[in-house]
Amino acid sequence: MVQVMRPVFNPSQIRVKQGQVVRLRLHGVDSGLTDMPELQGALGLKEFSGHGFQLMGPYDVWVTGIRKGDVKDVTFKASVAGEFPFECTVFCSPNH
């Protein structure tokens, strides 16, 4: 299970073996700026669309709309060896 929250993922590093089929369960822990009403209006944002998850590199992994309480599964085959960063694709806080 990968906890998705502002401004981090937990765990922050995921290790798999080449050739392994990987299933990530992305669990939304917070609602971004919706959980920070003191900043929401100041930044001009009216609605939080949910966190995002993108795995860089040769994989086509892109997920959006991960809100508090949501669980989204991502499955891919780790066919290429290397280190591939992942990041949130949605502005969720000033520290993002």
Protein backbone atom coordinates (compact mmCIF):
# COMPACT_ATOMS: atom_id res chain seq x y z
CA MET A 1 0.00 0.00 0.00
CA VAL A 2 1.33 3.43 -0.99
CA GLN A 3 -0.10 6.27 1.09
CA VAL A 4 -0.73 9.31 -1.09
CA MET A 5 -0.74 12.60 0.83
CA ARG A 6 0.55 16.13 0.63
CA PRO A 7 3.39 16.57 -0.15
CA VAL A 8 4.81 13.01 -0.05
CA PHE A 9 4.22 9.35 -0.75
CA ASN A 10 4.79 6.74 1.93
CA PRO A 11 6.88 4.77 1.28
CA SER A 12 9.00 7.23 -0.66
CA GLN A 13 10.94 4.43 -2.37
CA ILE A 14 9.67 1.16 -3.83
CA ARG A 15 12.02 -1.66 -4.84
CA VAL A 16 11.02 -4.42 -7.23
CA LYS A 17 12.88 -7.01 -9.27
CA GLN A 18 13.19 -6.81 -13.02
CA GLY A 19 10.53 -8.95 -14.68
CA GLN A 20 8.21 -8.76 -11.68
CA VAL A 21 4.56 -7.86 -12.15
CA VAL A 22 3.96 -5.00 -9.73
CA ARG A 23 0.61 -4.00 -8.24
CA LEU A 24 0.61 -0.72 -6.36
CA ARG A 25 -2.38 0.14 -4.18
CA LEU A 26 -2.55 3.92 -4.00
CA HIS A 27 -4.44 5.03 -0.89
CA GLY A 28 -5.55 8.67 -0.53
CA VAL A 29 -4.80 9.91 3.00
CA ASP A 30 -5.85 13.55 2.74
CA SER A 31 -7.75 15.91 0.51
CA GLY A 32 -4.93 18.31 -0.31
CA LEU A 33 -5.90 21.93 0.14
CA THR A 34 -9.44 20.95 1.11
CA ASP A 35 -7.90 19.88 4.43
CA MET A 36 -6.13 23.27 4.64
CA PRO A 37 -8.97 25.83 4.51
CA GLU A 38 -6.68 28.62 5.71
CA LEU A 39 -4.69 28.35 2.45
CA GLN A 40 -7.33 27.20 -0.02
CA GLY A 41 -8.85 30.63 -0.65
CA ALA A 42 -5.50 32.40 -0.57
CA LEU A 43 -4.27 30.32 -3.49
CA GLY A 44 -7.45 30.81 -5.50
CA LEU A 45 -8.29 27.11 -5.67
CA LYS A 46 -11.95 26.22 -5.30
CA GLU A 47 -11.89 22.43 -5.52
CA PHE A 48 -9.35 19.66 -4.99
CA SER A 49 -9.40 17.21 -7.89
CA GLY A 50 -7.44 14.56 -5.97
CA HIS A 51 -3.77 13.67 -5.82
CA GLY A 52 -2.01 12.17 -8.79
CA PHE A 53 0.68 9.53 -9.31
CA GLN A 54 3.07 9.30 -12.23
CA LEU A 55 5.87 6.78 -12.62
CA MET A 56 8.60 8.20 -14.86
CA GLY A 57 10.57 6.18 -17.36
CA PRO A 58 9.38 3.56 -19.81
CA TYR A 59 6.15 2.80 -17.98
CA ASP A 60 2.77 4.28 -18.86
CA VAL A 61 1.63 4.83 -15.26
CA TRP A 62 -0.46 7.95 -14.70
CA VAL A 63 -3.29 8.16 -12.15
CA THR A 64 -5.32 11.16 -11.00
CA GLY A 65 -8.29 11.74 -8.73
CA ILE A 66 -6.91 10.06 -5.60
CA ARG A 67 -8.94 11.66 -2.83
CA LYS A 68 -9.06 10.94 0.90
CA GLY A 69 -10.27 7.38 1.42
CA ASP A 70 -9.86 6.36 -2.24
CA VAL A 71 -7.85 3.30 -3.24
CA LYS A 72 -6.68 2.95 -6.83
CA ASP A 73 -4.70 -0.01 -8.14
CA VAL A 74 -1.92 0.25 -10.69
CA THR A 75 -0.40 -2.85 -12.29
CA PHE A 76 2.62 -3.00 -14.58
CA LYS A 77 5.50 -5.32 -15.44
CA ALA A 78 8.93 -4.08 -14.34
CA SER A 79 10.52 -5.05 -17.65
CA VAL A 80 13.32 -2.47 -17.61
CA ALA A 81 16.05 -2.31 -14.94
CA GLY A 82 16.90 1.05 -13.40
CA GLU A 83 15.75 3.75 -11.05
CA PHE A 84 12.55 5.57 -11.98
CA PRO A 85 11.20 8.46 -9.91
CA PHE A 86 7.51 8.88 -9.20
CA GLU A 87 5.69 12.08 -8.41
CA CYS A 88 2.31 13.67 -7.81
CA THR A 89 0.82 15.28 -10.90
CA VAL A 90 -1.51 17.65 -9.03
CA PHE A 91 -0.72 20.79 -7.00
CA CYS A 92 -1.92 19.80 -3.53
CA SER A 93 -0.15 22.17 -1.12
CA PRO A 94 2.42 24.96 -0.96
CA ASN A 95 5.10 22.35 -0.13
CA HIS A 96 4.30 20.20 -3.17
